[in-house]
Amino acid sequence: MKLIFLDIDGVLATAENALMPKHPEFSFPFDSDCVTILNKIIDHTSAEIIFTSDWRVYFGMDLQRLDQLFKYNKVIKSPIDFTPNLFRKRYKEILNYIHKHNRSITSFVILDDMDL
């Protein structure tokens, strides 16, 4: 399985978008240019999304709510899973996920604005 470990802030939700009107449930919208690029990556690779963003806490680790968020923002796929919450140690969360699921992962990419 091909995976995209996906952050939101700084990747899909940019500083410019933070100034846009907020949706009552979904915060501010994702950057449409960033969504276009993500959709191209998904379309060309058929990769699945693993959600790594701190937004996990805001959305209560609820894939159904994230599905609504991603559809609202016109992302062609929604996350299928989360990395574990290891208290802001994102690189460890991703490594933990990879080690736990290594038999099914064929390749992956990490889309994040942090230096991991």
PDB file of N, CA and C in Angstrom:
ATOM      1  N   MET A   1       0.839  -1.168   0.000  1.00  0.00           N
ATOM      2  CA  MET A   1       0.000   0.000   0.000  1.00  0.00           C
ATOM      3  C   MET A   1       0.892   1.242   0.000  1.00  0.00           C
ATOM      4  N   LYS A   2       0.532   2.217  -0.810  1.00  0.00           N
ATOM      5  CA  LYS A   2       1.234   3.498  -0.865  1.00  0.00           C
ATOM      6  C   LYS A   2       0.535   4.454   0.090  1.00  0.00           C
ATOM      7  N   LEU A   3       1.336   5.186   0.872  1.00  0.00           N
ATOM      8  CA  LEU A   3       0.760   6.072   1.877  1.00  0.00           C
ATOM      9  C   LEU A   3       1.280   7.495   1.755  1.00  0.00           C
ATOM     10  N   ILE A   4       0.407   8.421   2.112  1.00  0.00           N
ATOM     11  CA  ILE A   4       0.768   9.828   2.291  1.00  0.00           C
ATOM     12  C   ILE A   4       0.523  10.147   3.757  1.00  0.00           C
ATOM     13  N   PHE A   5       1.588  10.449   4.492  1.00  0.00           N
ATOM     14  CA  PHE A   5       1.444  10.915   5.857  1.00  0.00           C
ATOM     15  C   PHE A   5       1.228  12.424   5.762  1.00  0.00           C
ATOM     16  N   LEU A   6       0.033  12.865   6.119  1.00  0.00           N
ATOM     17  CA  LEU A   6      -0.389  14.224   5.790  1.00  0.00           C
ATOM     18  C   LEU A   6      -0.628  15.099   7.016  1.00  0.00           C
ATOM     19  N   ASP A   7       0.064  16.224   7.023  1.00  0.00           N
ATOM     20  CA  ASP A   7      -0.165  17.304   7.973  1.00  0.00           C
ATOM     21  C   ASP A   7      -1.140  18.290   7.312  1.00  0.00           C
ATOM     22  N   ILE A   8      -1.728  19.177   8.097  1.00  0.00           N
ATOM     23  CA  ILE A   8      -2.640  20.178   7.538  1.00  0.00           C
ATOM     24  C   ILE A   8      -2.033  21.583   7.600  1.00  0.00           C
ATOM     25  N   ASP A   9      -1.731  22.070   8.809  1.00  0.00           N
ATOM     26  CA  ASP A   9      -1.212  23.432   8.953  1.00  0.00           C
ATOM     27  C   ASP A   9       0.118  23.579   8.223  1.00  0.00           C
ATOM     28  N   GLY A  10       0.171  24.567   7.334  1.00  0.00           N
ATOM     29  CA  GLY A  10       1.371  24.808   6.553  1.00  0.00           C
ATOM     30  C   GLY A  10       1.471  23.962   5.302  1.00  0.00           C
ATOM     31  N   VAL A  11       0.608  22.964   5.167  1.00  0.00           N
ATOM     32  CA  VAL A  11       0.606  22.097   3.984  1.00  0.00           C
ATOM     33  C   VAL A  11      -0.656  22.355   3.158  1.00  0.00           C
ATOM     34  N   LEU A  12      -1.806  22.205   3.767  1.00  0.00           N
ATOM     35  CA  LEU A  12      -3.081  22.491   3.092  1.00  0.00           C
ATOM     36  C   LEU A  12      -3.744  23.751   3.631  1.00  0.00           C
ATOM     37  N   ALA A  13      -3.546  24.039   4.885  1.00  0.00           N
ATOM     38  CA  ALA A  13      -4.097  25.242   5.508  1.00  0.00           C
ATOM     39  C   ALA A  13      -2.952  26.226   5.683  1.00  0.00           C
ATOM     40  N   THR A  14      -2.919  27.224   4.825  1.00  0.00           N
ATOM     41  CA  THR A  14      -1.811  28.175   4.829  1.00  0.00           C
ATOM     42  C   THR A  14      -2.167  29.415   5.648  1.00  0.00           C
ATOM     43  N   ALA A  15      -1.162  30.227   5.916  1.00  0.00           N
ATOM     44  CA  ALA A  15      -1.382  31.456   6.685  1.00  0.00           C
ATOM     45  C   ALA A  15      -2.394  32.366   5.991  1.00  0.00           C
ATOM     46  N   GLU A  16      -2.353  32.404   4.670  1.00  0.00           N
ATOM     47  CA  GLU A  16      -3.297  33.236   3.924  1.00  0.00           C
ATOM     48  C   GLU A  16      -4.740  32.759   4.129  1.00  0.00           C
ATOM     49  N   ASN A  17      -4.922  31.465   4.195  1.00  0.00           N
ATOM     50  CA  ASN A  17      -6.266  30.911   4.379  1.00  0.00           C
ATOM     51  C   ASN A  17      -6.808  31.183   5.773  1.00  0.00           C
ATOM     52  N   ALA A  18      -5.933  31.367   6.734  1.00  0.00           N
ATOM     53  CA  ALA A  18      -6.371  31.644   8.104  1.00  0.00           C
ATOM     54  C   ALA A  18      -7.132  32.961   8.189  1.00  0.00           C
ATOM     55  N   LEU A  19      -6.938  33.828   7.194  1.00  0.00           N
ATOM     56  CA  LEU A  19      -7.628  35.116   7.165  1.00  0.00           C
ATOM     57  C   LEU A  19      -9.005  35.029   6.505  1.00  0.00           C
ATOM     58  N   MET A  20      -9.303  33.894   5.903  1.00  0.00           N
ATOM     59  CA  MET A  20     -10.584  33.718   5.213  1.00  0.00           C
ATOM     60  C   MET A  20     -11.692  33.437   6.221  1.00  0.00           C
ATOM     61  N   PRO A  21     -12.941  33.666   5.815  1.00  0.00           N
ATOM     62  CA  PRO A  21     -14.054  33.372   6.730  1.00  0.00           C
ATOM     63  C   PRO A  21     -14.044  31.899   7.131  1.00  0.00           C
ATOM     64  N   LYS A  22     -14.302  31.670   8.409  1.00  0.00           N
ATOM     65  CA  LYS A  22     -14.284  30.301   8.926  1.00  0.00           C
ATOM     66  C   LYS A  22     -15.640  29.635   8.766  1.00  0.00           C
ATOM     67  N   HIS A  23     -15.575  28.353   8.467  1.00  0.00           N
ATOM     68  CA  HIS A  23     -16.764  27.515   8.445  1.00  0.00           C
ATOM     69  C   HIS A  23     -17.050  27.161   9.902  1.00  0.00           C
ATOM     70  N   PRO A  24     -18.319  27.141  10.321  1.00  0.00           N
ATOM     71  CA  PRO A  24     -18.602  26.882  11.734  1.00  0.00           C
ATOM     72  C   PRO A  24     -18.094  25.533  12.250  1.00  0.00           C
ATOM     73  N   GLU A  25     -17.960  24.561  11.380  1.00  0.00           N
ATOM     74  CA  GLU A  25     -17.520  23.239  11.826  1.00  0.00           C
ATOM     75  C   GLU A  25     -16.111  22.890  11.378  1.00  0.00           C
ATOM     76  N   PHE A  26     -15.680  23.397  10.231  1.00  0.00           N
ATOM     77  CA  PHE A  26     -14.435  22.949   9.613  1.00  0.00           C
ATOM     78  C   PHE A  26     -13.294  23.956   9.672  1.00  0.00           C
ATOM     79  N   SER A  27     -13.405  25.003  10.467  1.00  0.00           N
ATOM     80  CA  SER A  27     -12.379  26.021  10.567  1.00  0.00           C
ATOM     81  C   SER A  27     -12.260  26.756   9.225  1.00  0.00           C
ATOM     82  N   PHE A  28     -11.078  27.217   8.906  1.00  0.00           N
ATOM     83  CA  PHE A  28     -10.924  27.932   7.639  1.00  0.00           C
ATOM     84  C   PHE A  28     -10.636  26.946   6.511  1.00  0.00           C
ATOM     85  N   PRO A  29     -10.933  27.352   5.271  1.00  0.00           N
ATOM     86  CA  PRO A  29     -10.766  26.410   4.147  1.00  0.00           C
ATOM     87  C   PRO A  29      -9.299  26.135   3.826  1.00  0.00           C
ATOM     88  N   PHE A  30      -9.084  24.982   3.204  1.00  0.00           N
ATOM     89  CA  PHE A  30      -7.763  24.637   2.704  1.00  0.00           C
ATOM     90  C   PHE A  30      -7.435  25.533   1.510  1.00  0.00           C
ATOM     91  N   ASP A  31      -6.162  25.694   1.239  1.00  0.00           N
ATOM     92  CA  ASP A  31      -5.702  26.441   0.075  1.00  0.00           C
ATOM     93  C   ASP A  31      -6.018  25.631  -1.184  1.00  0.00           C
ATOM     94  N   SER A  32      -6.732  26.225  -2.112  1.00  0.00           N
ATOM     95  CA  SER A  32      -7.194  25.475  -3.297  1.00  0.00           C
ATOM     96  C   SER A  32      -6.030  25.017  -4.177  1.00  0.00           C
ATOM     97  N   ASP A  33      -4.957  25.800  -4.270  1.00  0.00           N
ATOM     98  CA  ASP A  33      -3.796  25.380  -5.065  1.00  0.00           C
ATOM     99  C   ASP A  33      -3.118  24.162  -4.421  1.00  0.00           C
ATOM    100  N   CYS A  34      -3.030  24.165  -3.103  1.00  0.00           N
ATOM    101  CA  CYS A  34      -2.439  23.027  -2.397  1.00  0.00           C
ATOM    102  C   CYS A  34      -3.300  21.773  -2.557  1.00  0.00           C
ATOM    103  N   VAL A  35      -4.613  21.954  -2.511  1.00  0.00           N
ATOM    104  CA  VAL A  35      -5.534  20.825  -2.710  1.00  0.00           C
ATOM    105  C   VAL A  35      -5.365  20.263  -4.119  1.00  0.00           C
ATOM    106  N   THR A  36      -5.222  21.129  -5.106  1.00  0.00           N
ATOM    107  CA  THR A  36      -5.021  20.674  -6.489  1.00  0.00           C
ATOM    108  C   THR A  36      -3.777  19.804  -6.598  1.00  0.00           C
ATOM    109  N   ILE A  37      -2.692  20.233  -5.969  1.00  0.00           N
ATOM    110  CA  ILE A  37      -1.448  19.457  -6.010  1.00  0.00           C
ATOM    111  C   ILE A  37      -1.619  18.120  -5.283  1.00  0.00           C
ATOM    112  N   LEU A  38      -2.233  18.152  -4.099  1.00  0.00           N
ATOM    113  CA  LEU A  38      -2.473  16.908  -3.369  1.00  0.00           C
ATOM    114  C   LEU A  38      -3.328  15.960  -4.202  1.00  0.00           C
ATOM    115  N   ASN A  39      -4.372  16.466  -4.831  1.00  0.00           N
ATOM    116  CA  ASN A  39      -5.238  15.627  -5.661  1.00  0.00           C
ATOM    117  C   ASN A  39      -4.471  15.008  -6.827  1.00  0.00           C
ATOM    118  N   LYS A  40      -3.535  15.745  -7.399  1.00  0.00           N
ATOM    119  CA  LYS A  40      -2.709  15.193  -8.485  1.00  0.00           C
ATOM    120  C   LYS A  40      -1.832  14.053  -7.965  1.00  0.00           C
ATOM    121  N   ILE A  41      -1.257  14.243  -6.781  1.00  0.00           N
ATOM    122  CA  ILE A  41      -0.426  13.189  -6.186  1.00  0.00           C
ATOM    123  C   ILE A  41      -1.266  11.941  -5.945  1.00  0.00           C
ATOM    124  N   ILE A  42      -2.443  12.130  -5.366  1.00  0.00           N
ATOM    125  CA  ILE A  42      -3.333  10.993  -5.090  1.00  0.00           C
ATOM    126  C   ILE A  42      -3.747  10.313  -6.385  1.00  0.00           C
ATOM    127  N   ASP A  43      -4.099  11.102  -7.374  1.00  0.00           N
ATOM    128  CA  ASP A  43      -4.561  10.560  -8.659  1.00  0.00           C
ATOM    129  C   ASP A  43      -3.463   9.753  -9.351  1.00  0.00           C
ATOM    130  N   HIS A  44      -2.227  10.239  -9.291  1.00  0.00           N
ATOM    131  CA  HIS A  44      -1.123   9.558  -9.975  1.00  0.00           C
ATOM    132  C   HIS A  44      -0.574   8.354  -9.210  1.00  0.00           C
ATOM    133  N   THR A  45      -0.769   8.331  -7.896  1.00  0.00           N
ATOM    134  CA  THR A  45      -0.162   7.252  -7.104  1.00  0.00           C
ATOM    135  C   THR A  45      -1.169   6.274  -6.508  1.00  0.00           C
ATOM    136  N   SER A  46      -2.434   6.682  -6.431  1.00  0.00           N
ATOM    137  CA  SER A  46      -3.481   5.911  -5.740  1.00  0.00           C
ATOM    138  C   SER A  46      -3.140   5.693  -4.264  1.00  0.00           C
ATOM    139  N   ALA A  47      -2.349   6.595  -3.707  1.00  0.00           N
ATOM    140  CA  ALA A  47      -1.943   6.470  -2.306  1.00  0.00           C
ATOM    141  C   ALA A  47      -3.107   6.764  -1.369  1.00  0.00           C
ATOM    142  N   GLU A  48      -3.029   6.168  -0.195  1.00  0.00           N
ATOM    143  CA  GLU A  48      -3.998   6.409   0.866  1.00  0.00           C
ATOM    144  C   GLU A  48      -3.420   7.449   1.825  1.00  0.00           C
ATOM    145  N   ILE A  49      -4.294   8.178   2.491  1.00  0.00           N
ATOM    146  CA  ILE A  49      -3.867   9.239   3.403  1.00  0.00           C
ATOM    147  C   ILE A  49      -3.908   8.746   4.846  1.00  0.00           C
ATOM    148  N   ILE A  50      -2.793   8.958   5.535  1.00  0.00           N
ATOM    149  CA  ILE A  50      -2.712   8.718   6.975  1.00  0.00           C
ATOM    150  C   ILE A  50      -2.566  10.103   7.606  1.00  0.00           C
ATOM    151  N   PHE A  51      -3.485  10.442   8.472  1.00  0.00           N
ATOM    152  CA  PHE A  51      -3.561  11.786   9.040  1.00  0.00           C
ATOM    153  C   PHE A  51      -2.579  11.936  10.195  1.00  0.00           C
ATOM    154  N   THR A  52      -1.671  12.921  10.091  1.00  0.00           N
ATOM    155  CA  THR A  52      -0.663  13.154  11.120  1.00  0.00           C
ATOM    156  C   THR A  52      -0.844  14.493  11.824  1.00  0.00           C
ATOM    157  N   SER A  53      -1.728  15.307  11.325  1.00  0.00           N
ATOM    158  CA  SER A  53      -1.889  16.676  11.809  1.00  0.00           C
ATOM    159  C   SER A  53      -2.372  16.743  13.255  1.00  0.00           C
ATOM    160  N   ASP A  54      -2.006  17.831  13.927  1.00  0.00           N
ATOM    161  CA  ASP A  54      -2.539  18.084  15.265  1.00  0.00           C
ATOM    162  C   ASP A  54      -4.048  18.294  15.223  1.00  0.00           C
ATOM    163  N   TRP A  55      -4.608  18.478  14.057  1.00  0.00           N
ATOM    164  CA  TRP A  55      -6.068  18.590  13.906  1.00  0.00           C
ATOM    165  C   TRP A  55      -6.750  17.290  14.343  1.00  0.00           C
ATOM    166  N   ARG A  56      -5.986  16.211  14.505  1.00  0.00           N
ATOM    167  CA  ARG A  56      -6.561  14.954  15.012  1.00  0.00           C
ATOM    168  C   ARG A  56      -7.291  15.198  16.316  1.00  0.00           C
ATOM    169  N   VAL A  57      -6.660  15.999  17.182  1.00  0.00           N
ATOM    170  CA  VAL A  57      -7.246  16.276  18.493  1.00  0.00           C
ATOM    171  C   VAL A  57      -8.536  17.084  18.325  1.00  0.00           C
ATOM    172  N   TYR A  58      -8.491  18.103  17.491  1.00  0.00           N
ATOM    173  CA  TYR A  58      -9.664  18.946  17.241  1.00  0.00           C
ATOM    174  C   TYR A  58     -10.834  18.126  16.687  1.00  0.00           C
ATOM    175  N   PHE A  59     -10.522  17.186  15.805  1.00  0.00           N
ATOM    176  CA  PHE A  59     -11.562  16.359  15.199  1.00  0.00           C
ATOM    177  C   PHE A  59     -11.796  15.055  15.953  1.00  0.00           C
ATOM    178  N   GLY A  60     -11.207  14.928  17.125  1.00  0.00           N
ATOM    179  CA  GLY A  60     -11.480  13.793  17.998  1.00  0.00           C
ATOM    180  C   GLY A  60     -11.137  12.442  17.410  1.00  0.00           C
ATOM    181  N   MET A  61     -10.113  12.394  16.560  1.00  0.00           N
ATOM    182  CA  MET A  61      -9.700  11.130  15.927  1.00  0.00           C
ATOM    183  C   MET A  61     -10.906  10.449  15.260  1.00  0.00           C
ATOM    184  N   ASP A  62     -11.739  11.246  14.625  1.00  0.00           N
ATOM    185  CA  ASP A  62     -12.992  10.778  14.019  1.00  0.00           C
ATOM    186  C   ASP A  62     -12.857  10.825  12.495  1.00  0.00           C
ATOM    187  N   LEU A  63     -12.696   9.657  11.873  1.00  0.00           N
ATOM    188  CA  LEU A  63     -12.516   9.594  10.418  1.00  0.00           C
ATOM    189  C   LEU A  63     -13.734  10.089   9.657  1.00  0.00           C
ATOM    190  N   GLN A  64     -14.916   9.914  10.200  1.00  0.00           N
ATOM    191  CA  GLN A  64     -16.123  10.382   9.526  1.00  0.00           C
ATOM    192  C   GLN A  64     -16.145  11.912   9.450  1.00  0.00           C
ATOM    193  N   ARG A  65     -15.781  12.574  10.528  1.00  0.00           N
ATOM    194  CA  ARG A  65     -15.710  14.046  10.514  1.00  0.00           C
ATOM    195  C   ARG A  65     -14.611  14.523   9.572  1.00  0.00           C
ATOM    196  N   LEU A  66     -13.477  13.810   9.553  1.00  0.00           N
ATOM    197  CA  LEU A  66     -12.411  14.175   8.625  1.00  0.00           C
ATOM    198  C   LEU A  66     -12.842  13.969   7.185  1.00  0.00           C
ATOM    199  N   ASP A  67     -13.614  12.943   6.924  1.00  0.00           N
ATOM    200  CA  ASP A  67     -14.150  12.716   5.588  1.00  0.00           C
ATOM    201  C   ASP A  67     -14.979  13.929   5.153  1.00  0.00           C
ATOM    202  N   GLN A  68     -15.802  14.433   6.030  1.00  0.00           N
ATOM    203  CA  GLN A  68     -16.604  15.622   5.720  1.00  0.00           C
ATOM    204  C   GLN A  68     -15.711  16.830   5.466  1.00  0.00           C
ATOM    205  N   LEU A  69     -14.677  17.009   6.286  1.00  0.00           N
ATOM    206  CA  LEU A  69     -13.736  18.104   6.105  1.00  0.00           C
ATOM    207  C   LEU A  69     -13.052  18.022   4.749  1.00  0.00           C
ATOM    208  N   PHE A  70     -12.575  16.840   4.395  1.00  0.00           N
ATOM    209  CA  PHE A  70     -11.865  16.675   3.131  1.00  0.00           C
ATOM    210  C   PHE A  70     -12.808  16.856   1.940  1.00  0.00           C
ATOM    211  N   LYS A  71     -14.005  16.348   2.022  1.00  0.00           N
ATOM    212  CA  LYS A  71     -14.980  16.565   0.945  1.00  0.00           C
ATOM    213  C   LYS A  71     -15.337  18.038   0.817  1.00  0.00           C
ATOM    214  N   TYR A  72     -15.528  18.711   1.936  1.00  0.00           N
ATOM    215  CA  TYR A  72     -15.838  20.143   1.933  1.00  0.00           C
ATOM    216  C   TYR A  72     -14.739  20.921   1.210  1.00  0.00           C
ATOM    217  N   ASN A  73     -13.500  20.483   1.371  1.00  0.00           N
ATOM    218  CA  ASN A  73     -12.355  21.152   0.758  1.00  0.00           C
ATOM    219  C   ASN A  73     -11.953  20.568  -0.594  1.00  0.00           C
ATOM    220  N   LYS A  74     -12.774  19.659  -1.117  1.00  0.00           N
ATOM    221  CA  LYS A  74     -12.601  19.091  -2.467  1.00  0.00           C
ATOM    222  C   LYS A  74     -11.345  18.233  -2.643  1.00  0.00           C
ATOM    223  N   VAL A  75     -10.930  17.581  -1.556  1.00  0.00           N
ATOM    224  CA  VAL A  75      -9.841  16.602  -1.658  1.00  0.00           C
ATOM    225  C   VAL A  75     -10.483  15.294  -2.112  1.00  0.00           C
ATOM    226  N   ILE A  76      -9.876  14.622  -3.101  1.00  0.00           N
ATOM    227  CA  ILE A  76     -10.519  13.463  -3.737  1.00  0.00           C
ATOM    228  C   ILE A  76     -10.485  12.193  -2.901  1.00  0.00           C
ATOM    229  N   LYS A  77      -9.670  12.165  -1.853  1.00  0.00           N
ATOM    230  CA  LYS A  77      -9.645  11.036  -0.917  1.00  0.00           C
ATOM    231  C   LYS A  77      -9.587  11.584   0.494  1.00  0.00           C
ATOM    232  N   SER A  78     -10.131  10.815   1.407  1.00  0.00           N
ATOM    233  CA  SER A  78     -10.087  11.179   2.817  1.00  0.00           C
ATOM    234  C   SER A  78      -9.137  10.248   3.552  1.00  0.00           C
ATOM    235  N   PRO A  79      -8.654  10.667   4.711  1.00  0.00           N
ATOM    236  CA  PRO A  79      -7.762   9.792   5.484  1.00  0.00           C
ATOM    237  C   PRO A  79      -8.426   8.463   5.826  1.00  0.00           C
ATOM    238  N   ILE A  80      -7.608   7.414   5.811  1.00  0.00           N
ATOM    239  CA  ILE A  80      -8.103   6.090   6.196  1.00  0.00           C
ATOM    240  C   ILE A  80      -7.690   5.723   7.612  1.00  0.00           C
ATOM    241  N   ASP A  81      -6.734   6.511   8.165  1.00  0.00           N
ATOM    242  CA  ASP A  81      -6.242   6.187   9.498  1.00  0.00           C
ATOM    243  C   ASP A  81      -5.480   7.390  10.044  1.00  0.00           C
ATOM    244  N   PHE A  82      -5.102   7.292  11.324  1.00  0.00           N
ATOM    245  CA  PHE A  82      -4.319   8.301  12.018  1.00  0.00           C
ATOM    246  C   PHE A  82      -3.015   7.677  12.488  1.00  0.00           C
ATOM    247  N   THR A  83      -2.017   8.519  12.659  1.00  0.00           N
ATOM    248  CA  THR A  83      -0.862   8.076  13.425  1.00  0.00           C
ATOM    249  C   THR A  83      -1.248   8.187  14.897  1.00  0.00           C
ATOM    250  N   PRO A  84      -0.583   7.435  15.768  1.00  0.00           N
ATOM    251  CA  PRO A  84      -0.907   7.539  17.194  1.00  0.00           C
ATOM    252  C   PRO A  84      -0.504   8.916  17.726  1.00  0.00           C
ATOM    253  N   ASN A  85      -1.183   9.375  18.735  1.00  0.00           N
ATOM    254  CA  ASN A  85      -0.860  10.655  19.350  1.00  0.00           C
ATOM    255  C   ASN A  85       0.208  10.442  20.418  1.00  0.00           C
ATOM    256  N   LEU A  86       1.443  10.821  20.091  1.00  0.00           N
ATOM    257  CA  LEU A  86       2.547  10.671  21.030  1.00  0.00           C
ATOM    258  C   LEU A  86       3.019  12.044  21.519  1.00  0.00           C
ATOM    259  N   PHE A  87       2.086  12.945  21.665  1.00  0.00           N
ATOM    260  CA  PHE A  87       2.319  14.241  22.277  1.00  0.00           C
ATOM    261  C   PHE A  87       3.368  15.078  21.557  1.00  0.00           C
ATOM    262  N   ARG A  88       3.050  15.379  20.295  1.00  0.00           N
ATOM    263  CA  ARG A  88       3.837  16.288  19.462  1.00  0.00           C
ATOM    264  C   ARG A  88       5.214  15.750  19.077  1.00  0.00           C
ATOM    265  N   LYS A  89       5.336  14.482  19.001  1.00  0.00           N
ATOM    266  CA  LYS A  89       6.557  13.856  18.498  1.00  0.00           C
ATOM    267  C   LYS A  89       6.205  13.197  17.170  1.00  0.00           C
ATOM    268  N   ARG A  90       5.901  14.058  16.169  1.00  0.00           N
ATOM    269  CA  ARG A  90       5.342  13.556  14.920  1.00  0.00           C
ATOM    270  C   ARG A  90       6.235  12.538  14.238  1.00  0.00           C
ATOM    271  N   TYR A  91       7.533  12.745  14.240  1.00  0.00           N
ATOM    272  CA  TYR A  91       8.411  11.779  13.581  1.00  0.00           C
ATOM    273  C   TYR A  91       8.312  10.410  14.255  1.00  0.00           C
ATOM    274  N   LYS A  92       8.149  10.395  15.580  1.00  0.00           N
ATOM    275  CA  LYS A  92       7.986   9.124  16.286  1.00  0.00           C
ATOM    276  C   LYS A  92       6.631   8.502  15.984  1.00  0.00           C
ATOM    277  N   GLU A  93       5.608   9.347  15.836  1.00  0.00           N
ATOM    278  CA  GLU A  93       4.274   8.850  15.496  1.00  0.00           C
ATOM    279  C   GLU A  93       4.285   8.166  14.127  1.00  0.00           C
ATOM    280  N   ILE A  94       4.982   8.792  13.176  1.00  0.00           N
ATOM    281  CA  ILE A  94       5.068   8.220  11.828  1.00  0.00           C
ATOM    282  C   ILE A  94       5.889   6.929  11.851  1.00  0.00           C
ATOM    283  N   LEU A  95       7.023   6.950  12.534  1.00  0.00           N
ATOM    284  CA  LEU A  95       7.837   5.732  12.647  1.00  0.00           C
ATOM    285  C   LEU A  95       7.062   4.600  13.313  1.00  0.00           C
ATOM    286  N   ASN A  96       6.329   4.914  14.353  1.00  0.00           N
ATOM    287  CA  ASN A  96       5.506   3.924  15.043  1.00  0.00           C
ATOM    288  C   ASN A  96       4.516   3.306  14.067  1.00  0.00           C
ATOM    289  N   TYR A  97       3.851   4.159  13.275  1.00  0.00           N
ATOM    290  CA  TYR A  97       2.860   3.668  12.316  1.00  0.00           C
ATOM    291  C   TYR A  97       3.524   2.768  11.267  1.00  0.00           C
ATOM    292  N   ILE A  98       4.663   3.193  10.755  1.00  0.00           N
ATOM    293  CA  ILE A  98       5.368   2.413   9.736  1.00  0.00           C
ATOM    294  C   ILE A  98       5.791   1.053  10.290  1.00  0.00           C
ATOM    295  N   HIS A  99       6.350   1.038  11.481  1.00  0.00           N
ATOM    296  CA  HIS A  99       6.773  -0.233  12.085  1.00  0.00           C
ATOM    297  C   HIS A  99       5.583  -1.157  12.340  1.00  0.00           C
ATOM    298  N   LYS A 100       4.495  -0.589  12.757  1.00  0.00           N
ATOM    299  CA  LYS A 100       3.308  -1.395  13.060  1.00  0.00           C
ATOM    300  C   LYS A 100       2.674  -1.988  11.796  1.00  0.00           C
ATOM    301  N   HIS A 101       2.773  -1.271  10.670  1.00  0.00           N
ATOM    302  CA  HIS A 101       2.110  -1.696   9.432  1.00  0.00           C
ATOM    303  C   HIS A 101       3.096  -2.008   8.307  1.00  0.00           C
ATOM    304  N   ASN A 102       4.342  -2.274   8.635  1.00  0.00           N
ATOM    305  CA  ASN A 102       5.383  -2.384   7.614  1.00  0.00           C
ATOM    306  C   ASN A 102       5.133  -3.464   6.564  1.00  0.00           C
ATOM    307  N   ARG A 103       4.414  -4.491   6.895  1.00  0.00           N
ATOM    308  CA  ARG A 103       4.177  -5.568   5.909  1.00  0.00           C
ATOM    309  C   ARG A 103       3.262  -5.125   4.776  1.00  0.00           C
ATOM    310  N   SER A 104       2.409  -4.145   5.036  1.00  0.00           N
ATOM    311  CA  SER A 104       1.461  -3.717   4.003  1.00  0.00           C
ATOM    312  C   SER A 104       1.896  -2.444   3.288  1.00  0.00           C
ATOM    313  N   ILE A 105       2.936  -1.761   3.769  1.00  0.00           N
ATOM    314  CA  ILE A 105       3.379  -0.505   3.165  1.00  0.00           C
ATOM    315  C   ILE A 105       4.430  -0.787   2.104  1.00  0.00           C
ATOM    316  N   THR A 106       4.155  -0.356   0.877  1.00  0.00           N
ATOM    317  CA  THR A 106       5.129  -0.522  -0.203  1.00  0.00           C
ATOM    318  C   THR A 106       5.963   0.737  -0.399  1.00  0.00           C
ATOM    319  N   SER A 107       5.363   1.892  -0.158  1.00  0.00           N
ATOM    320  CA  SER A 107       6.083   3.160  -0.242  1.00  0.00           C
ATOM    321  C   SER A 107       5.269   4.226   0.480  1.00  0.00           C
ATOM    322  N   PHE A 108       5.963   5.327   0.814  1.00  0.00           N
ATOM    323  CA  PHE A 108       5.265   6.410   1.491  1.00  0.00           C
ATOM    324  C   PHE A 108       5.980   7.729   1.240  1.00  0.00           C
ATOM    325  N   VAL A 109       5.246   8.789   1.491  1.00  0.00           N
ATOM    326  CA  VAL A 109       5.785  10.145   1.452  1.00  0.00           C
ATOM    327  C   VAL A 109       5.188  10.878   2.654  1.00  0.00           C
ATOM    328  N   ILE A 110       5.941  11.821   3.179  1.00  0.00           N
ATOM    329  CA  ILE A 110       5.463  12.631   4.299  1.00  0.00           C
ATOM    330  C   ILE A 110       5.305  14.059   3.788  1.00  0.00           C
ATOM    331  N   LEU A 111       4.089  14.582   3.877  1.00  0.00           N
ATOM    332  CA  LEU A 111       3.834  15.969   3.494  1.00  0.00           C
ATOM    333  C   LEU A 111       3.604  16.760   4.778  1.00  0.00           C
ATOM    334  N   ASP A 112       4.627  17.530   5.149  1.00  0.00           N
ATOM    335  CA  ASP A 112       4.614  18.243   6.422  1.00  0.00           C
ATOM    336  C   ASP A 112       5.507  19.469   6.295  1.00  0.00           C
ATOM    337  N   ASP A 113       5.184  20.514   7.040  1.00  0.00           N
ATOM    338  CA  ASP A 113       6.042  21.689   7.034  1.00  0.00           C
ATOM    339  C   ASP A 113       7.069  21.657   8.155  1.00  0.00           C
ATOM    340  N   MET A 114       7.026  20.629   9.000  1.00  0.00           N
ATOM    341  CA  MET A 114       8.042  20.469  10.052  1.00  0.00           C
ATOM    342  C   MET A 114       9.279  19.800   9.488  1.00  0.00           C
ATOM    343  N   ASP A 115      10.410  20.111  10.083  1.00  0.00           N
ATOM    344  CA  ASP A 115      11.652  19.416   9.748  1.00  0.00           C
ATOM    345  C   ASP A 115      11.653  18.119  10.552  1.00  0.00           C
ATOM    346  N   LEU A 116      11.294  17.027   9.905  1.00  0.00           N
ATOM    347  CA  LEU A 116      11.191  15.738  10.581  1.00  0.00           C
ATOM    348  C   LEU A 116      12.470  14.933  10.437  1.00  0.00           C
TER     349      LEU A 116
END
